[in-house]
N, C-alpha and C. Protein backbone atom coordinates (compact mmCIF):
# COMPACT_ATOMS: atom_id res chain seq x y z
N MET A 1 9.86 9.19 28.48
CA MET A 1 8.86 8.95 27.47
C MET A 1 9.52 9.05 26.00
N ASN A 2 9.94 7.51 25.65
CA ASN A 2 10.19 7.21 24.41
C ASN A 2 9.44 7.25 23.10
N PHE A 3 9.64 7.76 22.21
CA PHE A 3 8.94 7.65 21.00
C PHE A 3 9.24 6.65 19.70
N LYS A 4 8.66 5.97 18.89
CA LYS A 4 9.22 5.30 17.52
C LYS A 4 8.18 5.92 16.50
N ALA A 5 8.69 6.41 15.45
CA ALA A 5 8.23 7.03 14.57
C ALA A 5 8.77 6.71 13.37
N LYS A 6 7.90 6.76 12.22
CA LYS A 6 9.11 6.73 10.53
C LYS A 6 8.49 8.31 10.06
N HIS A 7 9.12 8.96 9.28
CA HIS A 7 8.83 9.92 8.38
C HIS A 7 9.19 10.02 7.09
N ILE A 8 8.35 10.66 6.39
CA ILE A 8 8.80 11.08 4.75
C ILE A 8 9.19 12.49 4.67
N LEU A 9 10.36 13.10 4.37
CA LEU A 9 10.66 14.45 4.23
C LEU A 9 10.98 14.49 3.04
N VAL A 10 10.11 15.58 2.18
CA VAL A 10 10.51 16.49 0.85
C VAL A 10 10.72 17.71 0.98
N GLN A 11 10.98 18.63 0.17
CA GLN A 11 11.23 19.88 0.00
C GLN A 11 10.30 20.50 -0.17
N HIS A 12 9.01 20.21 -0.90
CA HIS A 12 8.33 21.07 -1.04
C HIS A 12 6.74 20.75 -0.83
N GLU A 13 5.85 21.49 -0.59
CA GLU A 13 4.60 21.28 0.11
C GLU A 13 3.91 20.08 -1.21
N TYR A 14 3.78 20.55 -2.35
CA TYR A 14 3.08 19.78 -3.30
C TYR A 14 3.53 18.36 -3.24
N GLU A 15 5.01 18.05 -2.90
CA GLU A 15 5.61 16.85 -3.18
C GLU A 15 4.45 15.97 -2.05
N ALA A 16 4.46 16.56 -0.59
CA ALA A 16 4.12 15.82 0.28
C ALA A 16 2.46 15.64 -0.18
N LYS A 17 1.83 16.59 -0.66
CA LYS A 17 0.31 16.39 -1.23
C LYS A 17 0.16 15.08 -2.00
N ASP A 18 1.39 15.28 -2.80
CA ASP A 18 1.15 13.93 -3.66
C ASP A 18 1.37 12.82 -3.13
N ILE A 19 2.33 12.69 -1.98
CA ILE A 19 2.42 11.81 -1.25
C ILE A 19 1.26 11.14 -0.59
N LEU A 20 0.65 12.21 0.08
CA LEU A 20 -0.58 11.68 0.71
C LEU A 20 -1.78 11.09 -0.21
N ARG A 21 -1.91 11.75 -1.44
CA ARG A 21 -2.74 10.92 -2.19
C ARG A 21 -2.45 9.47 -2.65
N LYS A 22 -1.17 9.46 -2.94
CA LYS A 22 -0.45 8.03 -3.05
C LYS A 22 -0.80 6.92 -2.10
N LEU A 23 -0.91 7.72 -0.66
CA LEU A 23 -1.10 6.74 0.39
C LEU A 23 -2.56 6.38 0.32
N SER A 24 -3.60 7.68 0.17
CA SER A 24 -5.01 7.05 0.07
C SER A 24 -5.24 6.30 -1.03
N GLU A 25 -4.24 6.03 -1.98
CA GLU A 25 -4.63 5.19 -3.09
C GLU A 25 -4.21 3.78 -2.87
N GLY A 26 -3.48 3.30 -1.45
CA GLY A 26 -3.01 2.25 -1.47
C GLY A 26 -1.70 1.78 -1.40
N LYS A 27 -0.76 3.02 -1.56
CA LYS A 27 0.85 2.31 -1.17
C LYS A 27 0.99 2.56 0.09
N THR A 28 2.25 1.50 0.30
CA THR A 28 2.56 1.87 1.84
C THR A 28 3.51 2.92 1.91
N PHE A 29 3.43 3.50 3.46
CA PHE A 29 4.26 4.48 3.96
C PHE A 29 5.61 4.15 3.59
N GLU A 30 6.16 3.16 4.09
CA GLU A 30 7.44 2.56 3.68
C GLU A 30 7.59 2.75 2.43
N GLU A 31 7.20 2.06 1.44
CA GLU A 31 7.65 2.15 0.07
C GLU A 31 7.61 3.57 -0.44
N LEU A 32 6.61 4.39 0.07
CA LEU A 32 6.90 5.78 -0.70
C LEU A 32 7.94 6.81 0.13
N ALA A 33 8.36 6.23 1.31
CA ALA A 33 9.41 6.91 1.96
C ALA A 33 10.59 6.23 1.50
N GLN A 34 10.90 5.10 0.64
CA GLN A 34 12.04 4.99 0.44
C GLN A 34 12.00 5.53 -1.41
N ASP A 35 11.00 5.61 -1.79
CA ASP A 35 10.92 6.39 -3.38
C ASP A 35 11.21 8.00 -2.98
N PHE A 36 10.52 8.67 -2.42
CA PHE A 36 10.51 9.72 -2.40
C PHE A 36 11.21 10.80 -1.48
N SER A 37 11.63 10.01 0.09
CA SER A 37 12.24 10.90 1.00
C SER A 37 13.38 11.37 1.02
N ILE A 38 13.99 12.28 1.21
CA ILE A 38 15.32 13.09 1.12
C ILE A 38 16.16 13.16 2.15
N CYS A 39 15.47 12.07 3.17
CA CYS A 39 16.27 11.68 4.62
C CYS A 39 17.09 10.74 4.51
N PRO A 40 18.12 10.07 5.23
CA PRO A 40 18.75 9.05 5.05
C PRO A 40 17.99 8.01 5.37
N SER A 41 16.84 8.28 6.42
CA SER A 41 16.12 7.37 6.93
C SER A 41 15.35 6.42 6.06
N SER A 42 15.38 6.89 4.80
CA SER A 42 14.25 6.64 3.59
C SER A 42 15.03 5.01 3.69
N LYS A 43 16.02 4.53 3.86
CA LYS A 43 16.67 3.34 3.24
C LYS A 43 15.77 2.27 4.15
N GLN A 44 15.24 2.95 5.41
CA GLN A 44 14.55 2.21 6.25
C GLN A 44 13.35 2.19 6.06
N GLY A 45 12.66 2.87 5.09
CA GLY A 45 11.26 2.72 5.13
C GLY A 45 10.78 4.15 6.02
N GLY A 46 11.71 5.19 5.85
CA GLY A 46 11.61 6.29 6.90
C GLY A 46 11.58 5.97 8.21
N ASP A 47 12.24 4.68 8.76
CA ASP A 47 12.23 4.60 10.18
C ASP A 47 13.46 5.20 11.06
N LEU A 48 12.69 6.28 12.02
CA LEU A 48 13.56 6.91 12.68
C LEU A 48 14.01 6.12 14.17
N GLY A 49 13.56 4.99 14.29
CA GLY A 49 13.90 4.28 15.35
C GLY A 49 13.14 4.93 16.67
N GLU A 50 13.91 4.32 17.86
CA GLU A 50 13.35 5.14 19.11
C GLU A 50 14.08 6.22 19.69
N PHE A 51 13.14 7.37 20.02
CA PHE A 51 14.01 8.38 20.63
C PHE A 51 13.22 9.26 21.87
N PRO A 52 13.97 9.86 22.57
CA PRO A 52 13.33 10.43 23.67
C PRO A 52 12.49 11.91 23.38
N LYS A 53 11.62 12.26 24.37
CA LYS A 53 10.97 13.34 23.95
C LYS A 53 12.07 14.86 24.28
N GLY A 54 11.63 15.49 23.21
CA GLY A 54 12.84 16.50 23.21
C GLY A 54 13.57 16.44 22.26
N ARG A 55 13.78 15.45 21.57
CA ARG A 55 14.93 15.13 20.56
C ARG A 55 14.53 15.80 18.92
N MET A 56 13.57 15.68 18.73
CA MET A 56 12.83 16.26 17.53
C MET A 56 12.54 17.81 17.44
N VAL A 57 12.63 18.62 16.48
CA VAL A 57 12.31 19.84 16.52
C VAL A 57 10.91 19.92 16.95
N PRO A 58 10.47 21.17 17.39
CA PRO A 58 9.17 21.45 18.18
C PRO A 58 7.85 20.98 17.43
N ALA A 59 7.95 21.28 15.99
CA ALA A 59 6.46 21.22 15.15
C ALA A 59 6.66 19.67 14.89
N PHE A 60 7.65 18.91 14.87
CA PHE A 60 7.56 17.74 14.56
C PHE A 60 7.04 16.98 15.68
N GLU A 61 7.64 17.30 16.96
CA GLU A 61 7.20 16.49 18.00
C GLU A 61 5.58 16.70 18.37
N LYS A 62 5.64 18.18 18.33
CA LYS A 62 3.99 18.54 18.51
C LYS A 62 2.72 17.57 17.60
N ALA A 63 3.05 17.26 16.35
CA ALA A 63 2.26 16.80 15.37
C ALA A 63 2.61 15.15 16.04
N LEU A 64 3.74 14.83 16.05
CA LEU A 64 3.74 13.46 16.74
C LEU A 64 2.93 12.81 17.88
N LEU A 65 2.51 14.04 19.28
CA LEU A 65 2.15 13.61 20.19
C LEU A 65 0.48 13.44 19.89
N LYS A 66 -0.04 14.05 18.80
CA LYS A 66 -1.22 14.14 18.41
C LYS A 66 -1.78 12.91 17.96
N LEU A 67 -0.59 11.86 17.48
CA LEU A 67 -1.03 10.87 16.62
C LEU A 67 -1.15 9.87 17.42
N GLN A 68 -1.77 8.84 17.05
CA GLN A 68 -2.22 7.17 17.70
C GLN A 68 -1.41 6.59 17.16
N PRO A 69 -0.82 5.28 17.73
CA PRO A 69 -0.12 4.27 16.85
C PRO A 69 -0.76 3.99 15.42
N ASN A 70 0.12 3.96 14.50
CA ASN A 70 0.04 3.56 13.11
C ASN A 70 -0.61 4.81 12.23
N GLU A 71 -0.82 5.80 12.84
CA GLU A 71 -1.65 6.75 12.36
C GLU A 71 -0.74 7.96 11.56
N VAL A 72 -0.88 8.61 10.15
CA VAL A 72 -0.12 9.23 9.89
C VAL A 72 -0.71 10.43 9.84
N SER A 73 0.77 11.59 10.15
CA SER A 73 -0.11 13.13 10.33
C SER A 73 -0.32 13.75 8.93
N GLY A 74 -0.99 14.80 8.92
CA GLY A 74 -1.25 15.68 7.76
C GLY A 74 0.24 16.23 7.57
N ILE A 75 0.46 17.19 6.86
CA ILE A 75 1.84 17.90 6.18
C ILE A 75 1.98 18.67 7.55
N VAL A 76 3.63 18.34 7.96
CA VAL A 76 4.22 19.29 8.90
C VAL A 76 5.39 19.91 8.22
N LYS A 77 5.43 21.20 8.49
CA LYS A 77 6.48 22.29 8.13
C LYS A 77 7.62 22.31 8.95
N THR A 78 8.66 22.17 9.08
CA THR A 78 9.80 22.58 9.74
C THR A 78 11.15 23.29 8.91
N GLN A 79 12.16 23.28 9.75
CA GLN A 79 13.19 24.12 8.73
C GLN A 79 14.11 23.20 7.71
N PHE A 80 13.58 22.14 8.05
CA PHE A 80 13.87 20.89 7.23
C PHE A 80 13.17 20.54 5.79
N GLY A 81 12.36 20.91 5.82
CA GLY A 81 11.17 20.72 4.69
C GLY A 81 9.79 20.39 5.33
N TYR A 82 8.87 19.43 4.29
CA TYR A 82 7.65 19.13 4.46
C TYR A 82 8.02 17.46 5.09
N HIS A 83 7.33 17.62 6.20
CA HIS A 83 7.24 15.76 6.93
C HIS A 83 5.77 15.48 6.67
N LEU A 84 5.52 14.03 6.45
CA LEU A 84 4.75 13.16 7.22
C LEU A 84 4.87 12.29 8.07
N ILE A 85 4.46 12.31 9.25
CA ILE A 85 4.74 11.39 10.27
C ILE A 85 3.84 10.16 10.75
N LYS A 86 4.84 9.15 10.61
CA LYS A 86 3.68 7.87 11.27
C LYS A 86 4.36 7.37 12.66
N ARG A 87 3.29 7.26 13.32
CA ARG A 87 3.70 6.99 15.07
C ARG A 87 3.43 5.33 14.97
N LEU A 88 4.49 4.91 15.51
CA LEU A 88 4.63 3.89 15.85
C LEU A 88 4.21 3.12 17.32
């Protein structure tokens, strides 16, 4: 099973909360990824491409599995920081 997803990665929970607020105000996920994500994927609007089950850290994958296509997760904490995940 392969997945496709985008994400926004920030260092602090308050940053993730602010980005969720901006999403609710109509900003696009891709625009916010480009503006705020500290992951190199930010240049592609947070696009992580296609990847197999088991490639991502457990907390990330667990949150991803709960999402429907085009749905955005709540804040997901991993050892890398705080993520917002959009399943494609």
